[in-house]
Amino acid sequence: MAELMFGLGQTKKKKEAEAKVTQTKKSIWQYQGRPDEAVESQVRSQQHNREKSEKATRMTTKTNLREVNMAVETVESGVRKEQHEREKNWKETGRNQKTAN
């Protein structure tokens, strides 16, 4: 029976020692912070997330710009069409004058 009591006492001391070690580690981690939560890594992750969001907006902008409908008549296209017709008529009159001479 004495041996059993001695074993229980050893287990109790071992558990107390382990609890003290874990408490010390917790206090050190709270003071110094975890290595994966260092300031540099946080800044890098922020930069990485910012860059990813910028790339995503750039990509969505490109896909949205592909969907432009060019069949819609605009003022500029009307002016160009008019100029093109004028040029065609001018060239045709020039050809007709050559054949007439």
C-alpha atoms as a PDB file:
ATOM      1  CA  MET A   1       0.000   0.000   0.000  1.00  0.00           C
ATOM      2  CA  ALA A   2       2.863   2.341   0.758  1.00  0.00           C
ATOM      3  CA  GLU A   3       4.182   1.807  -2.739  1.00  0.00           C
ATOM      4  CA  LEU A   4       0.852   2.880  -4.223  1.00  0.00           C
ATOM      5  CA  MET A   5       0.802   6.055  -2.158  1.00  0.00           C
ATOM      6  CA  PHE A   6       4.350   6.802  -3.198  1.00  0.00           C
ATOM      7  CA  GLY A   7       3.332   6.374  -6.877  1.00  0.00           C
ATOM      8  CA  LEU A   8       0.357   8.704  -6.479  1.00  0.00           C
ATOM      9  CA  GLY A   9       2.573  11.319  -4.887  1.00  0.00           C
ATOM     10  CA  GLN A  10       4.977  11.097  -7.832  1.00  0.00           C
ATOM     11  CA  THR A  11       2.122  11.485 -10.313  1.00  0.00           C
ATOM     12  CA  LYS A  12       0.823  14.513  -8.438  1.00  0.00           C
ATOM     13  CA  LYS A  13       4.256  16.156  -8.471  1.00  0.00           C
ATOM     14  CA  LYS A  14       4.655  15.381 -12.182  1.00  0.00           C
ATOM     15  CA  LYS A  15       1.269  16.953 -13.006  1.00  0.00           C
ATOM     16  CA  GLU A  16       2.115  20.042 -10.960  1.00  0.00           C
ATOM     17  CA  ALA A  17       5.434  20.384 -12.785  1.00  0.00           C
ATOM     18  CA  GLU A  18       3.746  20.037 -16.183  1.00  0.00           C
ATOM     19  CA  ALA A  19       1.105  22.592 -15.220  1.00  0.00           C
ATOM     20  CA  LYS A  20       3.834  25.031 -14.187  1.00  0.00           C
ATOM     21  CA  VAL A  21       5.641  24.502 -17.513  1.00  0.00           C
ATOM     22  CA  THR A  22       2.475  25.080 -19.543  1.00  0.00           C
ATOM     23  CA  GLN A  23       1.637  28.176 -17.505  1.00  0.00           C
ATOM     24  CA  THR A  24       5.146  29.543 -18.090  1.00  0.00           C
ATOM     25  CA  LYS A  25       4.901  28.854 -21.835  1.00  0.00           C
ATOM     26  CA  LYS A  26       1.517  30.606 -21.998  1.00  0.00           C
ATOM     27  CA  SER A  27       2.869  33.677 -20.254  1.00  0.00           C
ATOM     28  CA  ILE A  28       5.908  33.778 -22.580  1.00  0.00           C
ATOM     29  CA  TRP A  29       3.695  33.450 -25.650  1.00  0.00           C
ATOM     30  CA  GLN A  30       1.396  36.187 -24.437  1.00  0.00           C
ATOM     31  CA  TYR A  31       4.343  38.472 -23.862  1.00  0.00           C
ATOM     32  CA  GLN A  32       6.318  37.755 -27.045  1.00  0.00           C
ATOM     33  CA  GLY A  33       3.528  36.643 -29.316  1.00  0.00           C
ATOM     34  CA  ARG A  34       3.469  33.605 -31.494  1.00  0.00           C
ATOM     35  CA  PRO A  35       6.042  33.410 -34.278  1.00  0.00           C
ATOM     36  CA  ASP A  36       3.361  33.021 -36.938  1.00  0.00           C
ATOM     37  CA  GLU A  37       1.707  36.223 -35.710  1.00  0.00           C
ATOM     38  CA  ALA A  38       4.781  38.399 -36.076  1.00  0.00           C
ATOM     39  CA  VAL A  39       4.343  41.949 -37.360  1.00  0.00           C
ATOM     40  CA  GLU A  40       6.197  41.238 -40.596  1.00  0.00           C
ATOM     41  CA  SER A  41       4.041  38.255 -41.436  1.00  0.00           C
ATOM     42  CA  GLN A  42       0.893  40.265 -40.740  1.00  0.00           C
ATOM     43  CA  VAL A  43       2.101  43.057 -43.017  1.00  0.00           C
ATOM     44  CA  ARG A  44       2.971  40.537 -45.722  1.00  0.00           C
ATOM     45  CA  SER A  45      -0.436  38.922 -45.483  1.00  0.00           C
ATOM     46  CA  GLN A  46      -2.117  42.340 -45.741  1.00  0.00           C
ATOM     47  CA  GLN A  47      -0.033  43.181 -48.797  1.00  0.00           C
ATOM     48  CA  HIS A  48      -0.804  39.797 -50.313  1.00  0.00           C
ATOM     49  CA  ASN A  49      -4.541  40.214 -49.739  1.00  0.00           C
ATOM     50  CA  ARG A  50      -4.445  43.746 -51.155  1.00  0.00           C
ATOM     51  CA  GLU A  51      -2.620  42.518 -54.254  1.00  0.00           C
ATOM     52  CA  LYS A  52      -5.089  39.663 -54.715  1.00  0.00           C
ATOM     53  CA  SER A  53      -8.045  42.040 -54.503  1.00  0.00           C
ATOM     54  CA  GLU A  54      -6.451  44.435 -57.003  1.00  0.00           C
ATOM     55  CA  LYS A  55      -5.845  41.576 -59.432  1.00  0.00           C
ATOM     56  CA  ALA A  56      -9.422  40.412 -58.998  1.00  0.00           C
ATOM     57  CA  THR A  57     -10.820  43.877 -59.749  1.00  0.00           C
ATOM     58  CA  ARG A  58      -8.508  44.165 -62.763  1.00  0.00           C
ATOM     59  CA  MET A  59      -9.699  40.796 -64.037  1.00  0.00           C
ATOM     60  CA  THR A  60     -13.386  41.626 -63.572  1.00  0.00           C
ATOM     61  CA  THR A  61     -12.878  44.971 -65.290  1.00  0.00           C
ATOM     62  CA  LYS A  62     -11.315  43.237 -68.293  1.00  0.00           C
ATOM     63  CA  THR A  63     -14.159  40.741 -68.523  1.00  0.00           C
ATOM     64  CA  ASN A  64     -16.731  43.524 -68.231  1.00  0.00           C
ATOM     65  CA  LEU A  65     -15.036  45.547 -70.956  1.00  0.00           C
ATOM     66  CA  ARG A  66     -15.257  42.583 -73.332  1.00  0.00           C
ATOM     67  CA  GLU A  67     -19.026  42.840 -73.248  1.00  0.00           C
ATOM     68  CA  VAL A  68     -19.162  46.215 -75.007  1.00  0.00           C
ATOM     69  CA  ASN A  69     -21.733  46.292 -77.800  1.00  0.00           C
ATOM     70  CA  MET A  70     -20.239  47.915 -80.901  1.00  0.00           C
ATOM     71  CA  ALA A  71     -23.460  47.612 -82.918  1.00  0.00           C
ATOM     72  CA  VAL A  72     -24.876  50.676 -81.171  1.00  0.00           C
ATOM     73  CA  GLU A  73     -24.734  53.790 -83.334  1.00  0.00           C
ATOM     74  CA  THR A  74     -22.679  56.600 -81.819  1.00  0.00           C
ATOM     75  CA  VAL A  75     -22.035  60.185 -82.888  1.00  0.00           C
ATOM     76  CA  GLU A  76     -18.447  59.417 -83.822  1.00  0.00           C
ATOM     77  CA  SER A  77     -19.386  56.430 -85.963  1.00  0.00           C
ATOM     78  CA  GLY A  78     -22.003  58.540 -87.746  1.00  0.00           C
ATOM     79  CA  VAL A  79     -19.427  61.241 -88.530  1.00  0.00           C
ATOM     80  CA  ARG A  80     -16.944  58.669 -89.810  1.00  0.00           C
ATOM     81  CA  LYS A  81     -19.599  57.071 -91.977  1.00  0.00           C
ATOM     82  CA  GLU A  82     -20.451  60.464 -93.461  1.00  0.00           C
ATOM     83  CA  GLN A  83     -16.774  61.215 -94.157  1.00  0.00           C
ATOM     84  CA  HIS A  84     -16.344  57.803 -95.769  1.00  0.00           C
ATOM     85  CA  GLU A  85     -19.325  58.395 -98.069  1.00  0.00           C
ATOM     86  CA  ARG A  86     -17.924  61.820 -99.015  1.00  0.00           C
ATOM     87  CA  GLU A  87     -14.524  60.238 -99.839  1.00  0.00           C
ATOM     88  CA  LYS A  88     -16.184  57.525-101.948  1.00  0.00           C
ATOM     89  CA  ASN A  89     -18.165  60.100-103.903  1.00  0.00           C
ATOM     90  CA  TRP A  90     -15.053  62.252-104.437  1.00  0.00           C
ATOM     91  CA  LYS A  91     -13.063  59.275-105.756  1.00  0.00           C
ATOM     92  CA  GLU A  92     -15.897  58.222-108.030  1.00  0.00           C
ATOM     93  CA  THR A  93     -16.203  61.700-109.524  1.00  0.00           C
ATOM     94  CA  GLY A  94     -12.438  61.685-110.066  1.00  0.00           C
ATOM     95  CA  ARG A  95     -12.666  58.361-111.928  1.00  0.00           C
ATOM     96  CA  ASN A  96     -15.567  59.607-113.996  1.00  0.00           C
ATOM     97  CA  GLN A  97     -13.618  62.734-114.997  1.00  0.00           C
ATOM     98  CA  LYS A  98     -10.671  60.595-116.145  1.00  0.00           C
ATOM     99  CA  THR A  99     -12.871  58.456-118.335  1.00  0.00           C
ATOM    100  CA  ALA A 100     -14.629  61.539-119.720  1.00  0.00           C
ATOM    101  CA  ASN A 101     -11.312  63.145-120.784  1.00  0.00           C
END
